[in-house]
Amino acid sequence: MFGARPPVFTFIRLYSTTAEKPPLKLVAELRKLTEVSITKAREALAASNNDVSIALEWLQNDLAVSGTKKAAKVSHRAAGEGLISASVLSRGTGSPGGHGSVRAALVELNCETDFVARNALFGRLVADVAHTAAFLAEPGPSRQPEWTYVHPVPRELLLDAPLLAAEGPAGLSPAAGAGAASQGTVGSAIRDAIAKLGENIVLRRAVTVAHEPVPRVRGDLGLRVASYTHGGMLPTQGRIGTLALIALKSPRLTALLGTLDFREELERVERSLARQIVGFDTPVIRGQENALYNQPFMMFGDALEGETVQAGLARWARQKQLILDTDGTDTCGLEVVEFVKWTVGEMPDSA
C-alpha cells in the first residue's frame, strides 16, 4: 500500500560537532599550575586551542571576573575563623654580618570556617601576605609617649601592594617561586581565593617591625625579634601568635654573638619568651599581677621551680656573662621591650 520511502536525512552526513576534549596531560599540567577544577581547566584549554600559556591568561581573566562577583556576593558574611601568620626576614643583632637589621610582620587573615582555614591554598595566601608586609616594612619614628617599634600597617596600603611569594617551609612552596612577585596585588589575590574557596576572606590586620642595624660603634647594644604561633599546621601559622622585641646590652655583646653556642642559647631563650607570651594570659610586660615578668617561667626548660620570667632572664644573663658584677648598674643584659599578641577572631582593638 505504501511504497518504500527513501530516508529523509540520507543527504546529511552524520558526524559529531563536539570539539575534541583537551588531552589529559595538558589538563593535569594546567591544574598543577593553577589548582583549578578539571572542568575549568578543560574549559580554558578548549577556549585556547590547547595552548597552556593562553589558557593561563584565560583563567586569570575568568578568575578576576568570577572573583569580583563572588566577593560581592559573600562580603556580608561573618568571617571569624582564619590564621595568624608571622614572617621574620631578619632577626636582628647577631644575624649574618654581625649587626643585622630587624624586619618582621604579623598578619591576620580571616575566613568563614575552620575547614577553609586549614586549606593549603589559604595557608599559602596568608604566608604570602605576611611575607609581603615584612618585605615592605620601613623603619618609622617611635610613637610618643611610648617607645615602640611595632607599627600597624594600613589595610588599604597592604591590599594595594604587589603580592610577594613567601619562602616558606616544606609544604608551603608558592606556585610563583620563593620571593617572586605575582601578577596581582594582595587584594586581587584575596579576591581570587574567594572565587576558588567560596568563602568570604578578609584581611583583618597587620603590623610590622623594622629597625636598621645597630651601628658598629655601639657594639654593646642589640635589638632582636622573636616570634611564635600556635594552633596551626605550620610553625609560622596558627590561631594565636606573637612578635616580641628583645633588647640586649653588655660590653661583651659583640664577642658573645661571635660564638655559635651563645647564638643558639639566645635563640632558645627568645623562643621560650615568645611561647610564654602565647601560652599565658599576658597583657603587658610589667606593672600587673599577670604581667610577663611576674609569671612563672614555665616555657623555659632551665628555669628553677617557681622562678619568674624576670628572675630567670637575669640568672640566664649572668650565666652567659652578659652581666658581670663589675659591670655596674648600666648593663641590662636581656630585656623584653615590646610585644604584640593576637588571637584569631578577637576585635582588633584588643590587639
C-alpha atoms as a PDB file:
ATOM      1  CA  MET A   1       0.000   0.000   0.000  1.00  0.00           C
ATOM      2  CA  PHE A   2       2.722   2.321   0.913  1.00  0.00           C
ATOM      3  CA  GLY A   3       5.739   2.409  -1.338  1.00  0.00           C
ATOM      4  CA  ALA A   4       9.157   2.388   0.163  1.00  0.00           C
ATOM      5  CA  ARG A   5      10.280   5.873   1.065  1.00  0.00           C
ATOM      6  CA  PRO A   6      13.870   6.927   0.733  1.00  0.00           C
ATOM      7  CA  PRO A   7      15.374   8.016   4.034  1.00  0.00           C
ATOM      8  CA  VAL A   8      14.599  11.661   4.587  1.00  0.00           C
ATOM      9  CA  PHE A   9      18.028  12.528   6.040  1.00  0.00           C
ATOM     10  CA  THR A  10      20.260  10.470   3.838  1.00  0.00           C
ATOM     11  CA  PHE A  11      21.787  13.656   2.464  1.00  0.00           C
ATOM     12  CA  ILE A  12      23.032  14.709   5.890  1.00  0.00           C
ATOM     13  CA  ARG A  13      26.459  13.461   6.920  1.00  0.00           C
ATOM     14  CA  LEU A  14      26.355  12.019  10.359  1.00  0.00           C
ATOM     15  CA  TYR A  15      29.327  13.374  12.216  1.00  0.00           C
ATOM     16  CA  SER A  16      29.848  14.897  15.665  1.00  0.00           C
ATOM     17  CA  THR A  17      30.215  18.640  16.027  1.00  0.00           C
ATOM     18  CA  THR A  18      31.541  18.290  19.593  1.00  0.00           C
ATOM     19  CA  ALA A  19      35.028  19.730  19.979  1.00  0.00           C
ATOM     20  CA  GLU A  20      37.771  17.288  20.811  1.00  0.00           C
ATOM     21  CA  LYS A  21      38.451  17.082  24.523  1.00  0.00           C
ATOM     22  CA  PRO A  22      41.788  18.533  25.642  1.00  0.00           C
ATOM     23  CA  PRO A  23      44.443  15.894  26.380  1.00  0.00           C
ATOM     24  CA  LEU A  24      44.527  14.768  29.998  1.00  0.00           C
ATOM     25  CA  LYS A  25      48.246  15.582  30.141  1.00  0.00           C
ATOM     26  CA  LEU A  26      47.529  19.265  29.425  1.00  0.00           C
ATOM     27  CA  VAL A  27      44.618  19.297  31.886  1.00  0.00           C
ATOM     28  CA  ALA A  28      46.895  17.913  34.597  1.00  0.00           C
ATOM     29  CA  GLU A  29      49.629  20.440  33.757  1.00  0.00           C
ATOM     30  CA  LEU A  30      47.224  23.363  33.925  1.00  0.00           C
ATOM     31  CA  ARG A  31      45.713  22.179  37.206  1.00  0.00           C
ATOM     32  CA  LYS A  32      49.190  21.816  38.712  1.00  0.00           C
ATOM     33  CA  LEU A  33      49.951  25.425  37.806  1.00  0.00           C
ATOM     34  CA  THR A  34      46.627  26.903  38.919  1.00  0.00           C
ATOM     35  CA  GLU A  35      44.776  24.412  41.183  1.00  0.00           C
ATOM     36  CA  VAL A  36      41.537  24.974  39.241  1.00  0.00           C
ATOM     37  CA  SER A  37      38.927  22.247  38.826  1.00  0.00           C
ATOM     38  CA  ILE A  38      39.109  19.706  35.998  1.00  0.00           C
ATOM     39  CA  THR A  39      36.056  21.272  34.371  1.00  0.00           C
ATOM     40  CA  LYS A  40      37.550  24.768  34.452  1.00  0.00           C
ATOM     41  CA  ALA A  41      40.913  23.504  33.148  1.00  0.00           C
ATOM     42  CA  ARG A  42      39.204  21.798  30.209  1.00  0.00           C
ATOM     43  CA  GLU A  43      37.165  24.921  29.522  1.00  0.00           C
ATOM     44  CA  ALA A  44      40.304  27.083  29.469  1.00  0.00           C
ATOM     45  CA  LEU A  45      42.177  24.711  27.168  1.00  0.00           C
ATOM     46  CA  ALA A  46      39.216  24.414  24.807  1.00  0.00           C
ATOM     47  CA  ALA A  47      38.984  28.200  24.592  1.00  0.00           C
ATOM     48  CA  SER A  48      42.710  28.492  23.875  1.00  0.00           C
ATOM     49  CA  ASN A  49      43.131  25.668  21.352  1.00  0.00           C
ATOM     50  CA  ASN A  50      45.111  23.636  23.924  1.00  0.00           C
ATOM     51  CA  ASP A  51      47.752  26.329  24.351  1.00  0.00           C
ATOM     52  CA  VAL A  52      48.703  26.280  28.040  1.00  0.00           C
ATOM     53  CA  SER A  53      50.114  29.838  28.112  1.00  0.00           C
ATOM     54  CA  ILE A  54      46.954  31.239  26.528  1.00  0.00           C
ATOM     55  CA  ALA A  55      44.851  29.078  28.833  1.00  0.00           C
ATOM     56  CA  LEU A  56      46.615  30.644  31.832  1.00  0.00           C
ATOM     57  CA  GLU A  57      45.679  34.115  30.595  1.00  0.00           C
ATOM     58  CA  TRP A  58      42.102  32.955  30.013  1.00  0.00           C
ATOM     59  CA  LEU A  59      41.910  31.596  33.559  1.00  0.00           C
ATOM     60  CA  GLN A  60      43.352  34.791  35.017  1.00  0.00           C
ATOM     61  CA  ASN A  61      40.714  36.899  33.284  1.00  0.00           C
ATOM     62  CA  ASP A  62      37.951  34.464  34.175  1.00  0.00           C
ATOM     63  CA  LEU A  63      39.085  34.382  37.796  1.00  0.00           C
ATOM     64  CA  ALA A  64      39.098  38.170  38.001  1.00  0.00           C
ATOM     65  CA  VAL A  65      35.512  38.344  36.777  1.00  0.00           C
ATOM     66  CA  SER A  66      34.194  35.456  38.846  1.00  0.00           C
ATOM     67  CA  GLY A  67      36.196  36.552  41.895  1.00  0.00           C
ATOM     68  CA  THR A  68      34.738  40.040  41.827  1.00  0.00           C
ATOM     69  CA  LYS A  69      31.206  38.650  41.562  1.00  0.00           C
ATOM     70  CA  LYS A  70      31.789  36.072  44.296  1.00  0.00           C
ATOM     71  CA  ALA A  71      33.436  38.603  46.631  1.00  0.00           C
ATOM     72  CA  ALA A  72      30.456  40.925  46.284  1.00  0.00           C
ATOM     73  CA  LYS A  73      28.060  38.049  46.928  1.00  0.00           C
ATOM     74  CA  VAL A  74      29.728  36.836  50.153  1.00  0.00           C
ATOM     75  CA  SER A  75      31.010  40.159  51.524  1.00  0.00           C
ATOM     76  CA  HIS A  76      28.178  40.371  54.094  1.00  0.00           C
ATOM     77  CA  ARG A  77      29.058  37.014  55.667  1.00  0.00           C
ATOM     78  CA  ALA A  78      30.834  36.920  59.024  1.00  0.00           C
ATOM     79  CA  ALA A  79      34.469  35.798  58.836  1.00  0.00           C
ATOM     80  CA  GLY A  80      35.533  34.767  62.326  1.00  0.00           C
ATOM     81  CA  GLU A  81      37.934  31.922  61.548  1.00  0.00           C
ATOM     82  CA  GLY A  82      41.319  32.065  59.873  1.00  0.00           C
ATOM     83  CA  LEU A  83      45.014  32.171  60.616  1.00  0.00           C
ATOM     84  CA  ILE A  84      47.652  34.420  62.134  1.00  0.00           C
ATOM     85  CA  SER A  85      50.971  34.266  60.281  1.00  0.00           C
ATOM     86  CA  ALA A  86      54.389  35.559  61.279  1.00  0.00           C
ATOM     87  CA  SER A  87      57.165  36.380  58.826  1.00  0.00           C
ATOM     88  CA  VAL A  88      60.676  37.170  60.072  1.00  0.00           C
ATOM     89  CA  LEU A  89      63.035  38.230  57.299  1.00  0.00           C
ATOM     90  CA  SER A  90      65.824  39.426  59.584  1.00  0.00           C
ATOM     91  CA  ARG A  91      66.073  38.581  63.283  1.00  0.00           C
ATOM     92  CA  GLY A  92      68.329  41.468  64.232  1.00  0.00           C
ATOM     93  CA  THR A  93      71.646  41.835  66.026  1.00  0.00           C
ATOM     94  CA  GLY A  94      73.705  38.703  65.605  1.00  0.00           C
ATOM     95  CA  SER A  95      72.253  37.910  62.195  1.00  0.00           C
ATOM     96  CA  PRO A  96      74.761  37.324  59.355  1.00  0.00           C
ATOM     97  CA  GLY A  97      77.124  40.277  59.233  1.00  0.00           C
ATOM     98  CA  GLY A  98      77.352  40.772  62.981  1.00  0.00           C
ATOM     99  CA  HIS A  99      74.787  43.577  63.411  1.00  0.00           C
ATOM    100  CA  GLY A 100      71.725  42.755  61.350  1.00  0.00           C
ATOM    101  CA  SER A 101      68.538  44.705  60.864  1.00  0.00           C
ATOM    102  CA  VAL A 102      65.156  43.754  62.293  1.00  0.00           C
ATOM    103  CA  ARG A 103      62.392  43.107  59.769  1.00  0.00           C
ATOM    104  CA  ALA A 104      59.252  41.123  60.572  1.00  0.00           C
ATOM    105  CA  ALA A 105      55.463  41.156  60.273  1.00  0.00           C
ATOM    106  CA  LEU A 106      52.374  39.627  61.840  1.00  0.00           C
ATOM    107  CA  VAL A 107      49.102  39.420  59.894  1.00  0.00           C
ATOM    108  CA  GLU A 108      45.634  38.001  60.486  1.00  0.00           C
ATOM    109  CA  LEU A 109      43.597  36.701  57.550  1.00  0.00           C
ATOM    110  CA  ASN A 110      40.025  35.644  58.264  1.00  0.00           C
ATOM    111  CA  CYS A 111      37.619  33.244  56.562  1.00  0.00           C
ATOM    112  CA  GLU A 112      34.224  31.794  57.473  1.00  0.00           C
ATOM    113  CA  THR A 113      35.067  28.233  58.536  1.00  0.00           C
ATOM    114  CA  ASP A 114      37.870  26.249  60.104  1.00  0.00           C
ATOM    115  CA  PHE A 115      37.710  23.949  57.070  1.00  0.00           C
ATOM    116  CA  VAL A 116      38.951  26.715  54.765  1.00  0.00           C
ATOM    117  CA  ALA A 117      41.438  27.931  57.387  1.00  0.00           C
ATOM    118  CA  ARG A 118      43.120  24.503  57.148  1.00  0.00           C
ATOM    119  CA  ASN A 119      43.149  24.575  53.335  1.00  0.00           C
ATOM    120  CA  ALA A 120      46.626  24.647  51.768  1.00  0.00           C
ATOM    121  CA  LEU A 121      45.659  27.458  49.390  1.00  0.00           C
ATOM    122  CA  PHE A 122      44.533  29.641  52.295  1.00  0.00           C
ATOM    123  CA  GLY A 123      47.737  28.810  54.184  1.00  0.00           C
ATOM    124  CA  ARG A 124      49.900  29.854  51.244  1.00  0.00           C
ATOM    125  CA  LEU A 125      47.938  33.061  50.854  1.00  0.00           C
ATOM    126  CA  VAL A 126      48.344  34.176  54.467  1.00  0.00           C
ATOM    127  CA  ALA A 127      52.063  33.284  54.333  1.00  0.00           C
ATOM    128  CA  ASP A 128      52.487  35.382  51.194  1.00  0.00           C
ATOM    129  CA  VAL A 129      50.628  38.327  52.738  1.00  0.00           C
ATOM    130  CA  ALA A 130      52.819  38.191  55.858  1.00  0.00           C
ATOM    131  CA  HIS A 131      55.968  37.976  53.725  1.00  0.00           C
ATOM    132  CA  THR A 132      54.807  40.947  51.651  1.00  0.00           C
ATOM    133  CA  ALA A 133      54.161  43.037  54.766  1.00  0.00           C
ATOM    134  CA  ALA A 134      57.579  42.186  56.214  1.00  0.00           C
ATOM    135  CA  PHE A 135      59.346  42.900  52.907  1.00  0.00           C
ATOM    136  CA  LEU A 136      57.706  46.316  52.587  1.00  0.00           C
ATOM    137  CA  ALA A 137      58.267  47.282  56.232  1.00  0.00           C
ATOM    138  CA  GLU A 138      60.183  50.515  56.748  1.00  0.00           C
ATOM    139  CA  PRO A 139      61.662  51.856  59.987  1.00  0.00           C
ATOM    140  CA  GLY A 140      59.440  54.559  61.430  1.00  0.00           C
ATOM    141  CA  PRO A 141      59.614  57.020  64.320  1.00  0.00           C
ATOM    142  CA  SER A 142      58.623  55.762  67.744  1.00  0.00           C
ATOM    143  CA  ARG A 143      55.124  56.758  68.781  1.00  0.00           C
ATOM    144  CA  GLN A 144      55.065  59.060  71.761  1.00  0.00           C
ATOM    145  CA  PRO A 145      54.805  58.796  74.676  1.00  0.00           C
ATOM    146  CA  GLU A 146      55.510  55.060  74.210  1.00  0.00           C
ATOM    147  CA  TRP A 147      58.818  53.757  72.981  1.00  0.00           C
ATOM    148  CA  THR A 148      57.765  51.267  70.317  1.00  0.00           C
ATOM    149  CA  TYR A 149      58.996  49.573  67.171  1.00  0.00           C
ATOM    150  CA  VAL A 150      55.741  47.752  66.305  1.00  0.00           C
ATOM    151  CA  HIS A 151      53.683  49.734  63.803  1.00  0.00           C
ATOM    152  CA  PRO A 152      50.264  48.914  62.328  1.00  0.00           C
ATOM    153  CA  VAL A 153      50.017  48.684  58.544  1.00  0.00           C
ATOM    154  CA  PRO A 154      47.030  50.452  56.937  1.00  0.00           C
ATOM    155  CA  ARG A 155      44.876  47.736  55.381  1.00  0.00           C
ATOM    156  CA  GLU A 156      44.342  49.683  52.175  1.00  0.00           C
ATOM    157  CA  LEU A 157      48.090  50.126  51.732  1.00  0.00           C
ATOM    158  CA  LEU A 158      48.770  46.411  52.096  1.00  0.00           C
ATOM    159  CA  LEU A 159      45.818  45.392  49.895  1.00  0.00           C
ATOM    160  CA  ASP A 160      47.178  47.577  47.071  1.00  0.00           C
ATOM    161  CA  ALA A 161      50.732  46.211  47.401  1.00  0.00           C
ATOM    162  CA  PRO A 162      52.026  43.638  44.875  1.00  0.00           C
ATOM    163  CA  LEU A 163      51.854  40.184  46.444  1.00  0.00           C
ATOM    164  CA  LEU A 164      55.273  38.598  47.061  1.00  0.00           C
ATOM    165  CA  ALA A 165      55.580  34.848  47.411  1.00  0.00           C
ATOM    166  CA  ALA A 166      56.929  33.622  50.738  1.00  0.00           C
ATOM    167  CA  GLU A 167      59.938  31.400  51.055  1.00  0.00           C
ATOM    168  CA  GLY A 168      58.147  29.018  53.357  1.00  0.00           C
ATOM    169  CA  PRO A 169      58.916  25.643  54.927  1.00  0.00           C
ATOM    170  CA  ALA A 170      58.296  22.353  53.166  1.00  0.00           C
ATOM    171  CA  GLY A 171      54.720  22.022  52.057  1.00  0.00           C
ATOM    172  CA  LEU A 172      54.352  25.766  51.602  1.00  0.00           C
ATOM    173  CA  SER A 173      56.049  26.219  48.226  1.00  0.00           C
ATOM    174  CA  PRO A 174      54.288  29.022  46.355  1.00  0.00           C
ATOM    175  CA  ALA A 175      53.493  28.456  42.705  1.00  0.00           C
ATOM    176  CA  ALA A 176      55.263  31.666  41.683  1.00  0.00           C
ATOM    177  CA  GLY A 177      58.510  30.656  43.365  1.00  0.00           C
ATOM    178  CA  ALA A 178      60.039  31.871  46.606  1.00  0.00           C
ATOM    179  CA  GLY A 179      60.337  35.624  46.816  1.00  0.00           C
ATOM    180  CA  ALA A 180      58.780  36.160  43.404  1.00  0.00           C
ATOM    181  CA  ALA A 181      56.218  38.840  42.659  1.00  0.00           C
ATOM    182  CA  SER A 182      52.824  37.670  41.463  1.00  0.00           C
ATOM    183  CA  GLN A 183      50.879  39.288  38.642  1.00  0.00           C
ATOM    184  CA  GLY A 184      48.465  40.860  41.097  1.00  0.00           C
ATOM    185  CA  THR A 185      48.124  42.646  44.385  1.00  0.00           C
ATOM    186  CA  VAL A 186      47.344  41.351  47.850  1.00  0.00           C
ATOM    187  CA  GLY A 187      43.751  42.451  47.302  1.00  0.00           C
ATOM    188  CA  SER A 188      43.412  40.650  43.974  1.00  0.00           C
ATOM    189  CA  ALA A 189      44.955  37.501  45.449  1.00  0.00           C
ATOM    190  CA  ILE A 190      42.348  37.555  48.231  1.00  0.00           C
ATOM    191  CA  ARG A 191      39.625  38.054  45.625  1.00  0.00           C
ATOM    192  CA  ASP A 192      40.934  35.095  43.622  1.00  0.00           C
ATOM    193  CA  ALA A 193      40.992  32.943  46.751  1.00  0.00           C
ATOM    194  CA  ILE A 194      37.353  33.868  47.418  1.00  0.00           C
ATOM    195  CA  ALA A 195      36.467  32.647  43.918  1.00  0.00           C
ATOM    196  CA  LYS A 196      38.313  29.352  44.444  1.00  0.00           C
ATOM    197  CA  LEU A 197      37.304  28.623  48.048  1.00  0.00           C
ATOM    198  CA  GLY A 198      33.796  30.071  48.031  1.00  0.00           C
ATOM    199  CA  GLU A 199      34.030  31.891  51.371  1.00  0.00           C
ATOM    200  CA  ASN A 200      34.384  35.481  52.468  1.00  0.00           C
ATOM    201  CA  ILE A 201      38.065  36.205  53.151  1.00  0.00           C
ATOM    202  CA  VAL A 202      39.123  39.379  54.952  1.00  0.00           C
ATOM    203  CA  LEU A 203      42.495  40.888  55.789  1.00  0.00           C
ATOM    204  CA  ARG A 204      41.773  41.778  59.411  1.00  0.00           C
ATOM    205  CA  ARG A 205      45.017  43.472  60.486  1.00  0.00           C
ATOM    206  CA  ALA A 206      48.772  43.633  60.066  1.00  0.00           C
ATOM    207  CA  VAL A 207      51.740  45.040  61.964  1.00  0.00           C
ATOM    208  CA  THR A 208      55.407  45.287  61.079  1.00  0.00           C
ATOM    209  CA  VAL A 209      58.672  45.666  62.929  1.00  0.00           C
ATOM    210  CA  ALA A 210      61.576  47.331  61.157  1.00  0.00           C
ATOM    211  CA  HIS A 211      64.826  48.709  62.510  1.00  0.00           C
ATOM    212  CA  GLU A 212      68.150  49.425  60.852  1.00  0.00           C
ATOM    213  CA  PRO A 213      71.263  47.574  62.091  1.00  0.00           C
ATOM    214  CA  VAL A 214      72.701  48.898  65.321  1.00  0.00           C
ATOM    215  CA  PRO A 215      75.818  50.961  64.466  1.00  0.00           C
ATOM    216  CA  ARG A 216      79.016  49.009  64.966  1.00  0.00           C
ATOM    217  CA  VAL A 217      80.363  51.749  67.228  1.00  0.00           C
ATOM    218  CA  ARG A 218      77.622  50.712  69.679  1.00  0.00           C
ATOM    219  CA  GLY A 219      78.769  47.141  69.978  1.00  0.00           C
ATOM    220  CA  ASP A 220      77.300  46.951  73.478  1.00  0.00           C
ATOM    221  CA  LEU A 221      73.723  47.282  72.168  1.00  0.00           C
ATOM    222  CA  GLY A 222      71.491  44.887  70.270  1.00  0.00           C
ATOM    223  CA  LEU A 223      67.871  44.519  69.190  1.00  0.00           C
ATOM    224  CA  ARG A 224      66.233  41.267  68.112  1.00  0.00           C
ATOM    225  CA  VAL A 225      62.767  39.966  67.286  1.00  0.00           C
ATOM    226  CA  ALA A 226      61.218  36.674  68.385  1.00  0.00           C
ATOM    227  CA  SER A 227      58.041  35.101  67.034  1.00  0.00           C
ATOM    228  CA  TYR A 228      55.776  32.186  67.849  1.00  0.00           C
ATOM    229  CA  THR A 229      52.411  30.929  66.621  1.00  0.00           C
ATOM    230  CA  HIS A 230      50.289  28.075  67.969  1.00  0.00           C
ATOM    231  CA  GLY A 231      47.350  26.050  66.712  1.00  0.00           C
ATOM    232  CA  GLY A 232      48.226  25.828  63.023  1.00  0.00           C
ATOM    233  CA  MET A 233      49.533  23.175  60.676  1.00  0.00           C
ATOM    234  CA  LEU A 234      52.797  25.053  60.070  1.00  0.00           C
ATOM    235  CA  PRO A 235      55.306  26.571  62.525  1.00  0.00           C
ATOM    236  CA  THR A 236      54.739  30.131  61.303  1.00  0.00           C
ATOM    237  CA  GLN A 237      50.916  29.996  61.385  1.00  0.00           C
ATOM    238  CA  GLY A 238      48.249  29.412  63.999  1.00  0.00           C
ATOM    239  CA  ARG A 239      45.193  30.673  65.827  1.00  0.00           C
ATOM    240  CA  ILE A 240      47.317  32.696  68.230  1.00  0.00           C
ATOM    241  CA  GLY A 241      50.660  34.402  67.664  1.00  0.00           C
ATOM    242  CA  THR A 242      53.149  36.989  68.838  1.00  0.00           C
ATOM    243  CA  LEU A 243      56.070  39.181  67.835  1.00  0.00           C
ATOM    244  CA  ALA A 244      58.351  40.240  70.678  1.00  0.00           C
ATOM    245  CA  LEU A 245      61.184  42.796  70.650  1.00  0.00           C
ATOM    246  CA  ILE A 246      64.185  41.929  72.796  1.00  0.00           C
ATOM    247  CA  ALA A 247      66.946  44.389  73.727  1.00  0.00           C
ATOM    248  CA  LEU A 248      70.491  43.358  74.621  1.00  0.00           C
ATOM    249  CA  LYS A 249      73.085  45.451  76.415  1.00  0.00           C
ATOM    250  CA  SER A 250      76.522  44.289  77.503  1.00  0.00           C
ATOM    251  CA  PRO A 251      80.125  45.382  76.928  1.00  0.00           C
ATOM    252  CA  ARG A 252      80.818  41.768  75.845  1.00  0.00           C
ATOM    253  CA  LEU A 253      77.887  41.528  73.416  1.00  0.00           C
ATOM    254  CA  THR A 254      79.915  41.578  70.186  1.00  0.00           C
ATOM    255  CA  ALA A 255      82.290  38.889  71.425  1.00  0.00           C
ATOM    256  CA  LEU A 256      79.448  36.703  72.698  1.00  0.00           C
ATOM    257  CA  LEU A 257      77.499  36.956  69.448  1.00  0.00           C
ATOM    258  CA  GLY A 258      80.620  35.766  67.652  1.00  0.00           C
ATOM    259  CA  THR A 259      80.207  32.317  69.190  1.00  0.00           C
ATOM    260  CA  LEU A 260      77.759  29.763  67.844  1.00  0.00           C
ATOM    261  CA  ASP A 261      76.959  28.399  71.305  1.00  0.00           C
ATOM    262  CA  PHE A 262      75.788  31.777  72.573  1.00  0.00           C
ATOM    263  CA  ARG A 263      73.688  32.490  69.476  1.00  0.00           C
ATOM    264  CA  GLU A 264      71.969  29.114  69.806  1.00  0.00           C
ATOM    265  CA  GLU A 265      71.293  29.702  73.503  1.00  0.00           C
ATOM    266  CA  LEU A 266      69.981  33.191  72.735  1.00  0.00           C
ATOM    267  CA  GLU A 267      67.552  31.818  70.145  1.00  0.00           C
ATOM    268  CA  ARG A 268      66.393  29.211  72.663  1.00  0.00           C
ATOM    269  CA  VAL A 269      65.573  31.775  75.344  1.00  0.00           C
ATOM    270  CA  GLU A 270      63.890  34.030  72.753  1.00  0.00           C
ATOM    271  CA  ARG A 271      61.642  31.189  71.632  1.00  0.00           C
ATOM    272  CA  SER A 272      60.853  30.426  75.278  1.00  0.00           C
ATOM    273  CA  LEU A 273      59.802  34.032  75.820  1.00  0.00           C
ATOM    274  CA  ALA A 274      57.572  34.030  72.727  1.00  0.00           C
ATOM    275  CA  ARG A 275      55.957  30.740  73.820  1.00  0.00           C
ATOM    276  CA  GLN A 276      55.455  32.187  77.303  1.00  0.00           C
ATOM    277  CA  ILE A 277      53.614  35.203  75.881  1.00  0.00           C
ATOM    278  CA  VAL A 278      51.368  32.976  73.763  1.00  0.00           C
ATOM    279  CA  GLY A 279      50.797  30.285  76.375  1.00  0.00           C
ATOM    280  CA  PHE A 280      49.774  32.571  79.237  1.00  0.00           C
ATOM    281  CA  ASP A 281      47.340  35.434  79.673  1.00  0.00           C
ATOM    282  CA  THR A 282      49.964  38.094  79.010  1.00  0.00           C
ATOM    283  CA  PRO A 283      48.586  41.633  78.716  1.00  0.00           C
ATOM    284  CA  VAL A 284      51.753  43.632  79.484  1.00  0.00           C
ATOM    285  CA  ILE A 285      55.452  43.216  80.288  1.00  0.00           C
ATOM    286  CA  ARG A 286      55.402  44.824  83.750  1.00  0.00           C
ATOM    287  CA  GLY A 287      53.049  46.555  86.164  1.00  0.00           C
ATOM    288  CA  GLN A 288      50.262  43.987  86.615  1.00  0.00           C
ATOM    289  CA  GLU A 289      49.886  40.790  88.588  1.00  0.00           C
ATOM    290  CA  ASN A 290      49.679  38.716  85.393  1.00  0.00           C
ATOM    291  CA  ALA A 291      52.384  40.708  83.589  1.00  0.00           C
ATOM    292  CA  LEU A 292      55.001  38.732  81.674  1.00  0.00           C
ATOM    293  CA  TYR A 293      57.807  39.394  84.138  1.00  0.00           C
ATOM    294  CA  ASN A 294      55.671  38.238  87.088  1.00  0.00           C
ATOM    295  CA  GLN A 295      54.730  34.889  85.533  1.00  0.00           C
ATOM    296  CA  PRO A 296      56.483  31.626  86.422  1.00  0.00           C
ATOM    297  CA  PHE A 297      58.867  30.937  83.538  1.00  0.00           C
ATOM    298  CA  MET A 298      57.142  27.666  82.591  1.00  0.00           C
ATOM    299  CA  MET A 299      58.232  27.699  78.953  1.00  0.00           C
ATOM    300  CA  PHE A 300      61.960  27.824  79.764  1.00  0.00           C
ATOM    301  CA  GLY A 301      63.401  24.372  80.362  1.00  0.00           C
ATOM    302  CA  ASP A 302      66.238  25.684  82.543  1.00  0.00           C
ATOM    303  CA  ALA A 303      64.008  27.722  84.861  1.00  0.00           C
ATOM    304  CA  LEU A 304      64.150  26.949  88.571  1.00  0.00           C
ATOM    305  CA  GLU A 305      60.988  25.900  90.370  1.00  0.00           C
ATOM    306  CA  GLY A 306      58.787  28.932  90.954  1.00  0.00           C
ATOM    307  CA  GLU A 307      61.243  31.253  89.190  1.00  0.00           C
ATOM    308  CA  THR A 308      59.614  34.228  87.465  1.00  0.00           C
ATOM    309  CA  VAL A 309      60.403  35.328  83.940  1.00  0.00           C
ATOM    310  CA  GLN A 310      62.251  38.385  85.240  1.00  0.00           C
ATOM    311  CA  ALA A 311      64.376  36.341  87.638  1.00  0.00           C
ATOM    312  CA  GLY A 312      65.013  33.672  85.005  1.00  0.00           C
ATOM    313  CA  LEU A 313      66.244  36.201  82.448  1.00  0.00           C
ATOM    314  CA  ALA A 314      68.545  37.837  84.992  1.00  0.00           C
ATOM    315  CA  ARG A 315      70.021  34.470  86.013  1.00  0.00           C
ATOM    316  CA  TRP A 316      70.471  33.426  82.370  1.00  0.00           C
ATOM    317  CA  ALA A 317      72.221  36.729  81.523  1.00  0.00           C
ATOM    318  CA  ARG A 318      74.712  36.175  84.348  1.00  0.00           C
ATOM    319  CA  GLN A 319      75.309  32.564  83.401  1.00  0.00           C
ATOM    320  CA  LYS A 320      76.065  33.606  79.819  1.00  0.00           C
ATOM    321  CA  GLN A 321      78.226  36.532  81.017  1.00  0.00           C
ATOM    322  CA  LEU A 322      76.055  39.231  79.531  1.00  0.00           C
ATOM    323  CA  ILE A 323      76.148  40.672  83.042  1.00  0.00           C
ATOM    324  CA  LEU A 324      79.107  40.623  85.436  1.00  0.00           C
ATOM    325  CA  ASP A 325      79.375  42.065  88.929  1.00  0.00           C
ATOM    326  CA  THR A 326      81.985  44.531  87.643  1.00  0.00           C
ATOM    327  CA  ASP A 327      79.630  45.987  85.008  1.00  0.00           C
ATOM    328  CA  GLY A 328      77.771  48.373  87.292  1.00  0.00           C
ATOM    329  CA  THR A 329      74.077  49.189  87.009  1.00  0.00           C
ATOM    330  CA  ASP A 330      74.114  50.344  83.392  1.00  0.00           C
ATOM    331  CA  THR A 331      74.150  46.833  81.907  1.00  0.00           C
ATOM    332  CA  CYS A 332      70.675  45.360  81.473  1.00  0.00           C
ATOM    333  CA  GLY A 333      71.669  42.048  79.893  1.00  0.00           C
ATOM    334  CA  LEU A 334      68.471  40.990  78.148  1.00  0.00           C
ATOM    335  CA  GLU A 335      65.010  42.573  78.302  1.00  0.00           C
ATOM    336  CA  VAL A 336      61.691  42.279  76.523  1.00  0.00           C
ATOM    337  CA  VAL A 337      60.880  45.844  75.464  1.00  0.00           C
ATOM    338  CA  GLU A 338      57.672  45.335  73.470  1.00  0.00           C
ATOM    339  CA  PHE A 339      55.367  42.657  72.134  1.00  0.00           C
ATOM    340  CA  VAL A 340      52.129  42.216  70.224  1.00  0.00           C
ATOM    341  CA  LYS A 341      49.880  39.191  70.759  1.00  0.00           C
ATOM    342  CA  TRP A 342      46.817  38.251  68.721  1.00  0.00           C
ATOM    343  CA  THR A 343      44.129  35.576  68.750  1.00  0.00           C
ATOM    344  CA  VAL A 344      42.066  34.763  65.639  1.00  0.00           C
ATOM    345  CA  GLY A 345      38.661  36.410  65.677  1.00  0.00           C
ATOM    346  CA  GLU A 346      39.249  38.875  68.508  1.00  0.00           C
ATOM    347  CA  MET A 347      38.421  42.515  67.944  1.00  0.00           C
ATOM    348  CA  PRO A 348      41.460  44.420  66.590  1.00  0.00           C
ATOM    349  CA  ASP A 349      41.180  46.932  69.428  1.00  0.00           C
ATOM    350  CA  SER A 350      42.243  44.189  71.810  1.00  0.00           C
ATOM    351  CA  ALA A 351      45.474  43.535  69.908  1.00  0.00           C
END
